[in-house]
């Protein structure tokens, strides 16, 4: 029979080293054993009910996994985090970003949470088991938080990497770009400029 340590290690490896308290208990650890390992420094608590072995490096992928495990079902990496997963040129990640259902309001230091009223099935894709917003939804979301120059670079990078087309962006924007949604007008104008050749070639092919 596989020992608790081996079961938990298999789970953690599949999640870039992150694991939850519930996963540790499912592997065979009791609450007292968990507490002792944390006190001894063998395990490090990185977010509420989320841990890593002390020797596990806190890579970007690990931080993404920790945030997703902390937020629970229904969440997805979004905004700059999703752009980083899709490897869109020009992406700068400061902290993990997530979308969560609007009925929930989780908060924790070091994770930026965006509450959304709804997401379509096409909005979230699993990339190496991580739930991530689609390239089109990612660009639409970033339009609400980035400045003009950074947004133009992200759009150009996503298009040049063939993650999304201008037509697909326009279509998704029409579907989710409701009145009052931040960045809608700016993204529409940018897509019109790209389609008409009004954006400098260097900007169109950034990255």
N, C-alpha and C. Protein backbone atom coordinates (compact mmCIF):
# COMPACT_ATOMS: atom_id res chain seq x y z
N UNK A 1 0.85 -1.20 0.00
CA UNK A 1 0.00 0.00 0.00
C UNK A 1 0.88 1.25 0.00
N UNK A 2 0.53 2.18 -0.86
CA UNK A 2 1.34 3.39 -0.96
C UNK A 2 1.23 4.21 0.33
N UNK A 3 2.38 4.66 0.83
CA UNK A 3 2.40 5.44 2.06
C UNK A 3 1.80 6.82 1.81
N UNK A 4 1.38 7.47 2.91
CA UNK A 4 0.76 8.79 2.81
C UNK A 4 1.70 9.78 2.13
N UNK A 5 2.99 9.71 2.47
CA UNK A 5 3.96 10.63 1.86
C UNK A 5 4.02 10.48 0.34
N UNK A 6 3.98 9.21 -0.11
CA UNK A 6 4.06 8.96 -1.55
C UNK A 6 2.80 9.42 -2.26
N UNK A 7 1.65 9.19 -1.63
CA UNK A 7 0.39 9.62 -2.24
C UNK A 7 0.35 11.14 -2.36
N UNK A 8 0.76 11.82 -1.29
CA UNK A 8 0.73 13.27 -1.32
C UNK A 8 1.76 13.82 -2.30
N UNK A 9 2.93 13.18 -2.38
CA UNK A 9 3.97 13.63 -3.31
C UNK A 9 3.48 13.54 -4.75
N UNK A 10 2.75 12.47 -5.08
CA UNK A 10 2.22 12.31 -6.43
C UNK A 10 1.24 13.42 -6.75
N UNK A 11 0.41 13.77 -5.78
CA UNK A 11 -0.56 14.86 -5.97
C UNK A 11 0.16 16.19 -6.16
N UNK A 12 1.14 16.46 -5.29
CA UNK A 12 1.85 17.73 -5.35
C UNK A 12 2.64 17.89 -6.64
N UNK A 13 3.27 16.83 -7.11
CA UNK A 13 4.05 16.90 -8.35
C UNK A 13 3.16 17.31 -9.52
N UNK A 14 1.94 16.79 -9.54
CA UNK A 14 1.01 17.12 -10.63
C UNK A 14 0.52 18.56 -10.55
N UNK A 15 0.78 19.23 -9.41
CA UNK A 15 0.31 20.60 -9.19
C UNK A 15 1.47 21.54 -8.92
N UNK A 16 2.61 21.27 -9.57
CA UNK A 16 3.80 22.12 -9.46
C UNK A 16 4.29 22.25 -8.02
N UNK A 17 3.93 21.30 -7.16
CA UNK A 17 4.41 21.30 -5.78
C UNK A 17 3.40 21.78 -4.76
N UNK A 18 2.27 22.31 -5.20
CA UNK A 18 1.25 22.81 -4.28
C UNK A 18 0.27 21.70 -3.91
N UNK A 19 -0.25 21.76 -2.70
CA UNK A 19 -1.29 20.82 -2.29
C UNK A 19 -2.13 21.46 -1.20
N UNK A 20 -3.34 20.97 -1.04
CA UNK A 20 -4.26 21.54 -0.06
C UNK A 20 -4.30 20.69 1.20
N UNK A 21 -4.87 21.27 2.23
CA UNK A 21 -5.07 20.53 3.49
C UNK A 21 -5.96 19.32 3.23
N UNK A 22 -7.02 19.50 2.46
CA UNK A 22 -7.93 18.39 2.16
C UNK A 22 -7.20 17.27 1.41
N UNK A 23 -6.31 17.64 0.50
CA UNK A 23 -5.55 16.63 -0.23
C UNK A 23 -4.58 15.89 0.69
N UNK A 24 -4.00 16.60 1.64
CA UNK A 24 -3.12 15.94 2.60
C UNK A 24 -3.90 14.95 3.46
N UNK A 25 -5.09 15.35 3.88
CA UNK A 25 -5.92 14.45 4.69
C UNK A 25 -6.36 13.25 3.86
N UNK A 26 -6.71 13.48 2.58
CA UNK A 26 -7.11 12.37 1.71
C UNK A 26 -5.96 11.40 1.49
N UNK A 27 -4.72 11.93 1.53
CA UNK A 27 -3.55 11.07 1.34
C UNK A 27 -3.25 10.22 2.57
N UNK A 28 -3.81 10.63 3.72
CA UNK A 28 -3.60 9.84 4.92
C UNK A 28 -3.03 10.59 6.11
N UNK A 29 -2.84 11.90 5.99
CA UNK A 29 -2.31 12.69 7.10
C UNK A 29 -3.45 13.18 7.99
N UNK A 30 -3.26 13.13 9.29
CA UNK A 30 -4.23 13.66 10.22
C UNK A 30 -3.95 15.12 10.52
N UNK A 31 -4.91 15.84 11.10
CA UNK A 31 -4.72 17.25 11.43
C UNK A 31 -3.49 17.51 12.29
N UNK A 32 -3.23 16.65 13.27
CA UNK A 32 -2.07 16.84 14.14
C UNK A 32 -0.76 16.64 13.37
N UNK A 33 -0.75 15.67 12.46
CA UNK A 33 0.45 15.45 11.64
C UNK A 33 0.73 16.65 10.74
N UNK A 34 -0.32 17.22 10.20
CA UNK A 34 -0.16 18.41 9.35
C UNK A 34 0.42 19.56 10.17
N UNK A 35 -0.15 19.77 11.35
CA UNK A 35 0.32 20.87 12.21
C UNK A 35 1.77 20.67 12.60
N UNK A 36 2.16 19.43 12.93
CA UNK A 36 3.54 19.17 13.32
C UNK A 36 4.51 19.45 12.17
N UNK A 37 4.16 19.07 10.97
CA UNK A 37 5.05 19.30 9.83
C UNK A 37 5.21 20.78 9.53
N UNK A 38 4.14 21.54 9.72
CA UNK A 38 4.23 22.98 9.51
C UNK A 38 5.11 23.62 10.59
N UNK A 39 4.91 23.22 11.85
CA UNK A 39 5.72 23.77 12.94
C UNK A 39 7.19 23.42 12.77
N UNK A 40 7.47 22.23 12.28
CA UNK A 40 8.85 21.79 12.12
C UNK A 40 9.52 22.40 10.89
N UNK A 41 8.74 23.06 10.05
CA UNK A 41 9.31 23.67 8.85
C UNK A 41 9.42 22.73 7.67
N UNK A 42 8.88 21.53 7.79
CA UNK A 42 8.91 20.57 6.68
C UNK A 42 7.94 20.98 5.58
N UNK A 43 6.80 21.54 6.01
CA UNK A 43 5.82 22.07 5.08
C UNK A 43 5.69 23.57 5.31
N UNK A 44 5.43 24.31 4.24
CA UNK A 44 5.23 25.76 4.36
C UNK A 44 3.80 26.09 3.92
N UNK A 45 3.12 26.86 4.73
CA UNK A 45 1.78 27.33 4.37
C UNK A 45 1.94 28.55 3.47
N UNK A 46 1.41 28.49 2.26
CA UNK A 46 1.58 29.59 1.30
C UNK A 46 0.31 30.42 1.15
N UNK A 47 -0.83 29.80 1.34
CA UNK A 47 -2.13 30.47 1.32
C UNK A 47 -3.03 29.70 2.29
N UNK A 48 -4.13 30.26 2.70
CA UNK A 48 -5.00 29.51 3.59
C UNK A 48 -5.33 28.11 3.05
N UNK A 49 -4.98 27.09 3.81
CA UNK A 49 -5.25 25.68 3.49
C UNK A 49 -4.48 25.19 2.26
N UNK A 50 -3.45 25.91 1.87
CA UNK A 50 -2.60 25.49 0.74
C UNK A 50 -1.15 25.48 1.21
N UNK A 51 -0.42 24.40 0.86
CA UNK A 51 0.93 24.20 1.38
C UNK A 51 1.88 23.77 0.25
N UNK A 52 3.15 23.73 0.62
CA UNK A 52 4.18 23.13 -0.23
C UNK A 52 5.23 22.52 0.69
N UNK A 53 5.95 21.53 0.18
CA UNK A 53 7.10 21.03 0.93
C UNK A 53 8.16 22.14 0.96
N UNK A 54 8.87 22.24 2.05
CA UNK A 54 9.83 23.34 2.22
C UNK A 54 10.86 23.40 1.10
N UNK A 55 11.17 22.27 0.50
CA UNK A 55 12.19 22.24 -0.56
C UNK A 55 11.64 22.58 -1.94
N UNK A 56 10.32 22.76 -2.05
CA UNK A 56 9.71 23.06 -3.34
C UNK A 56 9.92 24.52 -3.70
N UNK A 57 10.51 24.84 -4.84
CA UNK A 57 10.71 26.24 -5.23
C UNK A 57 9.38 26.91 -5.56
N UNK A 58 9.25 28.17 -5.19
CA UNK A 58 8.02 28.92 -5.45
C UNK A 58 8.08 29.54 -6.83
N UNK A 59 7.96 28.73 -7.86
CA UNK A 59 8.00 29.20 -9.24
C UNK A 59 6.69 29.91 -9.59
N UNK A 60 6.65 30.55 -10.76
CA UNK A 60 5.42 31.20 -11.20
C UNK A 60 4.30 30.18 -11.36
N UNK A 61 4.62 29.02 -11.95
CA UNK A 61 3.60 27.99 -12.11
C UNK A 61 3.09 27.50 -10.75
N UNK A 62 3.99 27.37 -9.78
CA UNK A 62 3.57 26.99 -8.43
C UNK A 62 2.61 28.02 -7.87
N UNK A 63 2.93 29.30 -8.02
CA UNK A 63 2.06 30.34 -7.47
C UNK A 63 0.69 30.32 -8.14
N UNK A 64 0.66 30.03 -9.43
CA UNK A 64 -0.62 29.90 -10.13
C UNK A 64 -1.43 28.74 -9.55
N UNK A 65 -0.77 27.60 -9.36
CA UNK A 65 -1.47 26.44 -8.82
C UNK A 65 -1.97 26.73 -7.40
N UNK A 66 -1.14 27.35 -6.59
CA UNK A 66 -1.54 27.65 -5.21
C UNK A 66 -2.78 28.54 -5.20
N UNK A 67 -2.82 29.53 -6.07
CA UNK A 67 -3.96 30.44 -6.13
C UNK A 67 -5.23 29.71 -6.56
N UNK A 68 -5.11 28.86 -7.58
CA UNK A 68 -6.27 28.10 -8.06
C UNK A 68 -6.78 27.14 -6.99
N UNK A 69 -5.87 26.46 -6.30
CA UNK A 69 -6.28 25.54 -5.24
C UNK A 69 -6.94 26.29 -4.09
N UNK A 70 -6.42 27.46 -3.77
CA UNK A 70 -7.01 28.27 -2.70
C UNK A 70 -8.42 28.73 -3.08
N UNK A 71 -8.60 29.20 -4.31
CA UNK A 71 -9.89 29.76 -4.72
C UNK A 71 -10.96 28.68 -4.91
N UNK A 72 -10.55 27.49 -5.30
CA UNK A 72 -11.49 26.38 -5.39
C UNK A 72 -12.25 26.31 -6.70
N UNK A 73 -13.26 25.44 -6.77
CA UNK A 73 -14.00 25.21 -8.01
C UNK A 73 -14.64 26.49 -8.57
N UNK A 74 -14.68 26.57 -9.89
CA UNK A 74 -15.30 27.71 -10.55
C UNK A 74 -14.37 28.85 -10.86
N UNK A 75 -13.14 28.79 -10.35
CA UNK A 75 -12.18 29.86 -10.63
C UNK A 75 -11.37 29.53 -11.88
N UNK A 76 -10.66 30.52 -12.38
CA UNK A 76 -9.74 30.31 -13.51
C UNK A 76 -8.69 31.41 -13.50
N UNK A 77 -7.49 31.07 -13.88
CA UNK A 77 -6.47 32.09 -14.05
C UNK A 77 -6.93 33.05 -15.13
N UNK A 78 -6.70 34.34 -14.93
CA UNK A 78 -7.21 35.33 -15.86
C UNK A 78 -6.23 36.49 -16.00
N UNK A 79 -6.59 37.46 -16.82
CA UNK A 79 -5.84 38.69 -16.98
C UNK A 79 -4.35 38.41 -17.25
N UNK A 80 -3.44 39.02 -16.48
CA UNK A 80 -2.01 38.84 -16.77
C UNK A 80 -1.55 37.41 -16.54
N UNK A 81 -2.17 36.71 -15.58
CA UNK A 81 -1.78 35.31 -15.34
C UNK A 81 -2.14 34.45 -16.53
N UNK A 82 -3.33 34.63 -17.08
CA UNK A 82 -3.72 33.86 -18.27
C UNK A 82 -2.82 34.22 -19.45
N UNK A 83 -2.52 35.50 -19.60
CA UNK A 83 -1.64 35.91 -20.69
C UNK A 83 -0.26 35.26 -20.57
N UNK A 84 0.21 35.10 -19.33
CA UNK A 84 1.50 34.44 -19.11
C UNK A 84 1.43 32.96 -19.47
N UNK A 85 0.33 32.30 -19.11
CA UNK A 85 0.17 30.89 -19.46
C UNK A 85 0.15 30.72 -20.97
N UNK A 86 -0.52 31.63 -21.67
CA UNK A 86 -0.58 31.57 -23.14
C UNK A 86 0.70 32.10 -23.78
N UNK A 87 1.61 32.60 -22.96
CA UNK A 87 2.90 33.13 -23.43
C UNK A 87 2.73 34.25 -24.45
N UNK A 88 1.84 35.15 -24.13
CA UNK A 88 1.63 36.31 -24.99
C UNK A 88 2.76 37.31 -24.75
N UNK A 89 3.51 37.68 -25.78
CA UNK A 89 4.61 38.64 -25.60
C UNK A 89 4.12 39.94 -24.97
N UNK A 90 4.95 40.51 -24.11
CA UNK A 90 4.61 41.77 -23.47
C UNK A 90 3.90 41.61 -22.13
N UNK A 91 3.68 40.37 -21.71
CA UNK A 91 2.98 40.13 -20.45
C UNK A 91 3.88 40.37 -19.25
N UNK A 92 3.36 41.08 -18.25
CA UNK A 92 4.09 41.29 -17.00
C UNK A 92 3.18 40.85 -15.85
N UNK A 93 3.63 39.87 -15.09
CA UNK A 93 2.82 39.33 -14.00
C UNK A 93 3.38 39.79 -12.66
N UNK A 94 2.54 40.46 -11.88
CA UNK A 94 2.94 40.89 -10.55
C UNK A 94 2.45 39.90 -9.50
N UNK A 95 1.22 39.45 -9.64
CA UNK A 95 0.62 38.50 -8.69
C UNK A 95 -0.38 37.65 -9.45
N UNK A 96 -0.65 36.44 -8.99
CA UNK A 96 -1.66 35.62 -9.64
C UNK A 96 -3.01 36.35 -9.71
N UNK A 97 -3.66 36.25 -10.86
CA UNK A 97 -4.98 36.85 -11.04
C UNK A 97 -5.99 35.77 -11.39
N UNK A 98 -7.16 35.88 -10.81
CA UNK A 98 -8.21 34.88 -11.02
C UNK A 98 -9.55 35.54 -11.27
N UNK A 99 -10.40 34.84 -12.02
CA UNK A 99 -11.81 35.19 -12.03
C UNK A 99 -12.54 34.16 -11.19
N UNK A 100 -13.56 34.61 -10.45
CA UNK A 100 -14.38 33.72 -9.63
C UNK A 100 -15.84 34.11 -9.85
N UNK A 101 -16.77 33.19 -9.62
CA UNK A 101 -18.19 33.53 -9.75
C UNK A 101 -18.55 34.72 -8.87
N UNK A 102 -19.45 35.55 -9.38
CA UNK A 102 -19.84 36.76 -8.64
C UNK A 102 -20.50 36.51 -7.32
N UNK A 103 -20.98 35.27 -7.10
CA UNK A 103 -21.61 34.93 -5.82
C UNK A 103 -20.60 34.72 -4.71
N UNK A 104 -19.31 34.68 -5.08
CA UNK A 104 -18.26 34.47 -4.09
C UNK A 104 -17.38 35.70 -4.00
N UNK A 105 -16.72 35.89 -2.87
CA UNK A 105 -15.84 37.04 -2.69
C UNK A 105 -14.61 36.66 -1.87
N UNK A 106 -13.82 35.68 -2.35
CA UNK A 106 -12.62 35.29 -1.59
C UNK A 106 -11.55 36.39 -1.65
N UNK A 107 -10.85 36.56 -0.56
CA UNK A 107 -9.78 37.56 -0.51
C UNK A 107 -8.59 37.00 0.24
N UNK A 108 -7.41 37.29 -0.27
CA UNK A 108 -6.19 36.91 0.42
C UNK A 108 -5.06 37.77 -0.14
N UNK A 109 -4.11 38.10 0.70
CA UNK A 109 -2.97 38.89 0.24
C UNK A 109 -2.17 38.11 -0.79
N UNK A 110 -1.76 38.80 -1.85
CA UNK A 110 -0.92 38.18 -2.86
C UNK A 110 -1.66 37.58 -4.03
N UNK A 111 -2.99 37.60 -4.02
CA UNK A 111 -3.78 37.10 -5.14
C UNK A 111 -4.82 38.15 -5.50
N UNK A 112 -4.90 38.49 -6.78
CA UNK A 112 -5.86 39.48 -7.25
C UNK A 112 -7.08 38.75 -7.81
N UNK A 113 -8.23 38.98 -7.20
CA UNK A 113 -9.46 38.26 -7.56
C UNK A 113 -10.43 39.20 -8.27
N UNK A 114 -10.95 38.74 -9.41
CA UNK A 114 -11.95 39.48 -10.16
C UNK A 114 -13.26 38.69 -10.13
N UNK A 115 -14.31 39.30 -9.63
CA UNK A 115 -15.61 38.64 -9.60
C UNK A 115 -16.33 38.89 -10.93
N UNK A 116 -16.89 37.85 -11.50
CA UNK A 116 -17.59 37.97 -12.78
C UNK A 116 -18.99 37.40 -12.64
N UNK A 117 -19.92 38.00 -13.38
CA UNK A 117 -21.31 37.56 -13.30
C UNK A 117 -21.47 36.17 -13.91
N UNK A 118 -20.75 35.94 -15.02
CA UNK A 118 -20.89 34.65 -15.69
C UNK A 118 -19.70 34.42 -16.62
N UNK A 119 -19.44 33.16 -16.91
CA UNK A 119 -18.47 32.79 -17.93
C UNK A 119 -19.10 31.71 -18.81
N UNK A 120 -18.85 31.81 -20.11
CA UNK A 120 -19.33 30.78 -21.03
C UNK A 120 -18.37 29.60 -21.01
N UNK A 121 -18.83 28.46 -21.50
CA UNK A 121 -17.98 27.28 -21.54
C UNK A 121 -16.71 27.52 -22.34
N UNK A 122 -16.81 28.36 -23.38
CA UNK A 122 -15.65 28.62 -24.23
C UNK A 122 -14.66 29.58 -23.59
N UNK A 123 -15.04 30.18 -22.46
CA UNK A 123 -14.17 31.17 -21.81
C UNK A 123 -13.04 30.55 -21.01
N UNK A 124 -13.18 29.29 -20.61
CA UNK A 124 -12.18 28.66 -19.75
C UNK A 124 -11.67 27.38 -20.40
N UNK A 125 -10.35 27.27 -20.47
CA UNK A 125 -9.68 26.11 -21.06
C UNK A 125 -8.67 25.58 -20.05
N UNK A 126 -8.56 24.27 -19.94
CA UNK A 126 -7.54 23.68 -19.06
C UNK A 126 -6.22 23.55 -19.81
N UNK A 127 -5.20 24.18 -19.30
CA UNK A 127 -3.86 24.13 -19.89
C UNK A 127 -2.96 23.44 -18.87
N UNK A 128 -2.52 22.23 -19.21
CA UNK A 128 -1.75 21.42 -18.27
C UNK A 128 -2.47 21.34 -16.92
N UNK A 129 -3.79 21.12 -17.02
CA UNK A 129 -4.70 20.93 -15.89
C UNK A 129 -5.07 22.21 -15.17
N UNK A 130 -4.46 23.34 -15.50
CA UNK A 130 -4.82 24.61 -14.88
C UNK A 130 -5.98 25.24 -15.63
N UNK A 131 -7.04 25.66 -14.93
CA UNK A 131 -8.13 26.38 -15.61
C UNK A 131 -7.68 27.80 -15.96
N UNK A 132 -7.79 28.16 -17.23
CA UNK A 132 -7.28 29.44 -17.72
C UNK A 132 -8.31 30.05 -18.66
N UNK A 133 -8.49 31.36 -18.61
CA UNK A 133 -9.39 31.99 -19.57
C UNK A 133 -8.81 31.86 -20.97
N UNK A 134 -9.68 31.74 -21.96
CA UNK A 134 -9.26 31.58 -23.35
C UNK A 134 -8.49 32.82 -23.80
N UNK A 135 -7.68 32.71 -24.86
CA UNK A 135 -6.96 33.88 -25.34
C UNK A 135 -7.87 35.07 -25.63
N UNK A 136 -9.02 34.82 -26.27
CA UNK A 136 -9.92 35.93 -26.59
C UNK A 136 -10.46 36.58 -25.33
N UNK A 137 -10.93 35.77 -24.39
CA UNK A 137 -11.47 36.32 -23.14
C UNK A 137 -10.36 37.04 -22.36
N UNK A 138 -9.15 36.50 -22.41
CA UNK A 138 -8.02 37.13 -21.71
C UNK A 138 -7.77 38.53 -22.22
N UNK A 139 -7.76 38.70 -23.54
CA UNK A 139 -7.53 40.03 -24.13
C UNK A 139 -8.67 40.97 -23.76
N UNK A 140 -9.90 40.50 -23.83
CA UNK A 140 -11.05 41.34 -23.48
C UNK A 140 -10.95 41.80 -22.02
N UNK A 141 -10.57 40.88 -21.13
CA UNK A 141 -10.43 41.25 -19.72
C UNK A 141 -9.30 42.25 -19.51
N UNK A 142 -8.18 42.04 -20.21
CA UNK A 142 -7.03 42.95 -20.04
C UNK A 142 -7.34 44.34 -20.55
N UNK A 143 -8.26 44.45 -21.48
CA UNK A 143 -8.62 45.77 -22.00
C UNK A 143 -9.13 46.69 -20.90
N UNK A 144 -9.66 46.10 -19.84
CA UNK A 144 -10.19 46.91 -18.76
C UNK A 144 -9.18 47.35 -17.73
N UNK A 145 -7.95 46.83 -17.82
CA UNK A 145 -6.97 47.15 -16.78
C UNK A 145 -5.64 47.67 -17.33
N UNK A 146 -5.38 47.52 -18.61
CA UNK A 146 -4.11 47.95 -19.18
C UNK A 146 -4.23 49.32 -19.85
N UNK A 147 -3.10 50.03 -19.90
CA UNK A 147 -3.05 51.26 -20.66
C UNK A 147 -3.02 50.98 -22.15
N UNK A 148 -3.15 52.03 -22.94
CA UNK A 148 -3.24 51.88 -24.40
C UNK A 148 -2.02 51.16 -24.98
N UNK A 149 -0.83 51.56 -24.58
CA UNK A 149 0.39 50.98 -25.15
C UNK A 149 0.51 49.50 -24.80
N UNK A 150 0.29 49.16 -23.53
CA UNK A 150 0.39 47.76 -23.11
C UNK A 150 -0.70 46.90 -23.76
N UNK A 151 -1.90 47.45 -23.89
CA UNK A 151 -2.98 46.71 -24.52
C UNK A 151 -2.67 46.43 -25.99
N UNK A 152 -2.15 47.43 -26.68
CA UNK A 152 -1.79 47.25 -28.09
C UNK A 152 -0.73 46.15 -28.23
N UNK A 153 0.23 46.11 -27.30
CA UNK A 153 1.28 45.09 -27.35
C UNK A 153 0.70 43.70 -27.11
N UNK A 154 -0.25 43.60 -26.17
CA UNK A 154 -0.87 42.31 -25.87
C UNK A 154 -1.68 41.81 -27.06
N UNK A 155 -2.46 42.69 -27.66
CA UNK A 155 -3.26 42.30 -28.83
C UNK A 155 -2.35 41.86 -29.97
N UNK A 156 -1.32 42.66 -30.22
CA UNK A 156 -0.39 42.32 -31.29
C UNK A 156 0.31 40.99 -31.02
N UNK A 157 0.70 40.77 -29.78
CA UNK A 157 1.37 39.52 -29.43
C UNK A 157 0.47 38.32 -29.58
N UNK A 158 -0.78 38.44 -29.14
CA UNK A 158 -1.73 37.33 -29.25
C UNK A 158 -2.03 37.00 -30.70
N UNK A 159 -2.17 38.04 -31.52
CA UNK A 159 -2.45 37.82 -32.95
C UNK A 159 -1.24 37.25 -33.66
N UNK A 160 -0.05 37.77 -33.36
CA UNK A 160 1.16 37.30 -34.04
C UNK A 160 1.48 35.85 -33.68
N UNK A 161 1.11 35.43 -32.47
CA UNK A 161 1.32 34.04 -32.06
C UNK A 161 0.20 33.12 -32.52
N UNK A 162 -0.78 33.70 -33.21
CA UNK A 162 -1.92 32.96 -33.75
C UNK A 162 -2.76 32.30 -32.66
N UNK A 163 -2.78 32.96 -31.50
CA UNK A 163 -3.64 32.49 -30.42
C UNK A 163 -5.08 32.91 -30.67
N UNK A 164 -5.25 34.01 -31.38
CA UNK A 164 -6.57 34.55 -31.66
C UNK A 164 -6.47 35.45 -32.90
N UNK A 165 -7.58 35.64 -33.57
CA UNK A 165 -7.62 36.54 -34.73
C UNK A 165 -8.37 37.82 -34.36
N UNK A 166 -8.17 38.85 -35.16
CA UNK A 166 -8.91 40.09 -34.93
C UNK A 166 -10.41 39.83 -35.03
N UNK A 167 -10.81 39.00 -35.99
CA UNK A 167 -12.23 38.68 -36.14
C UNK A 167 -12.78 37.99 -34.90
N UNK A 168 -12.01 37.05 -34.34
CA UNK A 168 -12.46 36.34 -33.14
C UNK A 168 -12.55 37.29 -31.95
N UNK A 169 -11.61 38.22 -31.86
CA UNK A 169 -11.66 39.20 -30.78
C UNK A 169 -12.89 40.09 -30.90
N UNK A 170 -13.18 40.53 -32.13
CA UNK A 170 -14.37 41.35 -32.32
C UNK A 170 -15.63 40.58 -31.94
N UNK A 171 -15.68 39.31 -32.33
CA UNK A 171 -16.84 38.49 -32.03
C UNK A 171 -17.02 38.32 -30.52
N UNK A 172 -15.92 38.00 -29.81
CA UNK A 172 -16.03 37.80 -28.35
C UNK A 172 -16.35 39.11 -27.66
N UNK A 173 -15.82 40.21 -28.17
CA UNK A 173 -16.11 41.51 -27.58
C UNK A 173 -17.59 41.85 -27.74
N UNK A 174 -18.17 41.50 -28.88
CA UNK A 174 -19.60 41.73 -29.09
C UNK A 174 -20.44 40.92 -28.10
N UNK A 175 -19.94 39.75 -27.74
CA UNK A 175 -20.69 38.86 -26.85
C UNK A 175 -20.59 39.26 -25.38
N UNK A 176 -19.42 39.72 -24.96
CA UNK A 176 -19.23 40.02 -23.53
C UNK A 176 -19.02 41.50 -23.25
N UNK A 177 -18.83 42.30 -24.30
CA UNK A 177 -18.54 43.71 -24.11
C UNK A 177 -19.77 44.55 -23.87
N UNK A 178 -20.43 44.32 -22.74
CA UNK A 178 -21.65 45.02 -22.42
C UNK A 178 -21.37 46.48 -22.07
N UNK A 179 -22.42 47.27 -22.11
CA UNK A 179 -22.30 48.69 -21.77
C UNK A 179 -21.77 48.84 -20.35
N UNK A 180 -20.77 49.68 -20.20
CA UNK A 180 -20.18 49.90 -18.89
C UNK A 180 -19.01 49.00 -18.57
N UNK A 181 -18.77 48.00 -19.41
CA UNK A 181 -17.63 47.12 -19.16
C UNK A 181 -16.35 47.90 -19.44
N UNK A 182 -15.38 47.93 -18.52
CA UNK A 182 -14.16 48.71 -18.71
C UNK A 182 -13.37 48.27 -19.94
N UNK A 183 -12.88 49.24 -20.69
CA UNK A 183 -11.98 48.96 -21.81
C UNK A 183 -12.65 48.60 -23.11
N UNK A 184 -13.97 48.47 -23.14
CA UNK A 184 -14.66 48.04 -24.36
C UNK A 184 -14.39 49.00 -25.51
N UNK A 185 -14.59 50.27 -25.27
CA UNK A 185 -14.43 51.26 -26.34
C UNK A 185 -12.99 51.29 -26.85
N UNK A 186 -12.04 51.23 -25.93
CA UNK A 186 -10.63 51.28 -26.34
C UNK A 186 -10.26 50.07 -27.18
N UNK A 187 -10.72 48.88 -26.77
CA UNK A 187 -10.39 47.67 -27.52
C UNK A 187 -11.07 47.69 -28.89
N UNK A 188 -12.31 48.16 -28.95
CA UNK A 188 -12.98 48.26 -30.25
C UNK A 188 -12.19 49.17 -31.19
N UNK A 189 -11.77 50.31 -30.67
CA UNK A 189 -11.02 51.27 -31.49
C UNK A 189 -9.70 50.66 -31.96
N UNK A 190 -9.04 49.93 -31.07
CA UNK A 190 -7.76 49.31 -31.42
C UNK A 190 -7.96 48.26 -32.51
N UNK A 191 -9.00 47.46 -32.40
CA UNK A 191 -9.25 46.42 -33.41
C UNK A 191 -9.61 47.04 -34.75
N UNK A 192 -10.33 48.14 -34.74
CA UNK A 192 -10.64 48.85 -35.98
C UNK A 192 -9.36 49.38 -36.61
N UNK A 193 -8.46 49.93 -35.77
CA UNK A 193 -7.20 50.47 -36.29
C UNK A 193 -6.33 49.37 -36.89
N UNK A 194 -6.29 48.21 -36.21
CA UNK A 194 -5.50 47.09 -36.74
C UNK A 194 -6.09 46.61 -38.06
N UNK A 195 -7.42 46.49 -38.10
CA UNK A 195 -8.06 46.00 -39.32
C UNK A 195 -7.91 46.93 -40.50
N UNK A 196 -7.81 48.23 -40.20
CA UNK A 196 -7.68 49.20 -41.29
C UNK A 196 -6.24 49.56 -41.60
N UNK A 197 -5.31 48.94 -40.85
CA UNK A 197 -3.89 49.25 -41.05
C UNK A 197 -3.46 50.52 -40.35
N UNK A 198 -4.30 50.99 -39.41
CA UNK A 198 -3.98 52.24 -38.72
C UNK A 198 -3.01 52.10 -37.57
N UNK A 199 -2.58 50.89 -37.27
CA UNK A 199 -1.59 50.66 -36.22
C UNK A 199 -0.26 50.40 -36.88
N UNK A 200 0.79 50.98 -36.32
CA UNK A 200 2.12 50.82 -36.90
C UNK A 200 2.49 49.36 -37.00
N UNK A 201 3.15 48.90 -38.09
CA UNK A 201 3.53 47.51 -38.25
C UNK A 201 4.31 46.95 -37.06
N UNK A 202 5.19 47.78 -36.48
CA UNK A 202 5.97 47.31 -35.35
C UNK A 202 5.09 46.96 -34.17
N UNK A 203 3.99 47.73 -34.00
CA UNK A 203 3.06 47.45 -32.91
C UNK A 203 2.24 46.21 -33.22
N UNK A 204 1.86 46.08 -34.51
CA UNK A 204 1.06 44.92 -34.89
C UNK A 204 1.83 43.63 -34.68
N UNK A 205 3.15 43.67 -34.85
CA UNK A 205 3.94 42.44 -34.76
C UNK A 205 4.80 42.41 -33.51
N UNK A 206 4.40 43.14 -32.48
CA UNK A 206 5.20 43.16 -31.25
C UNK A 206 5.38 41.75 -30.74
N UNK A 207 6.59 41.46 -30.22
CA UNK A 207 6.89 40.14 -29.66
C UNK A 207 7.38 39.20 -30.71
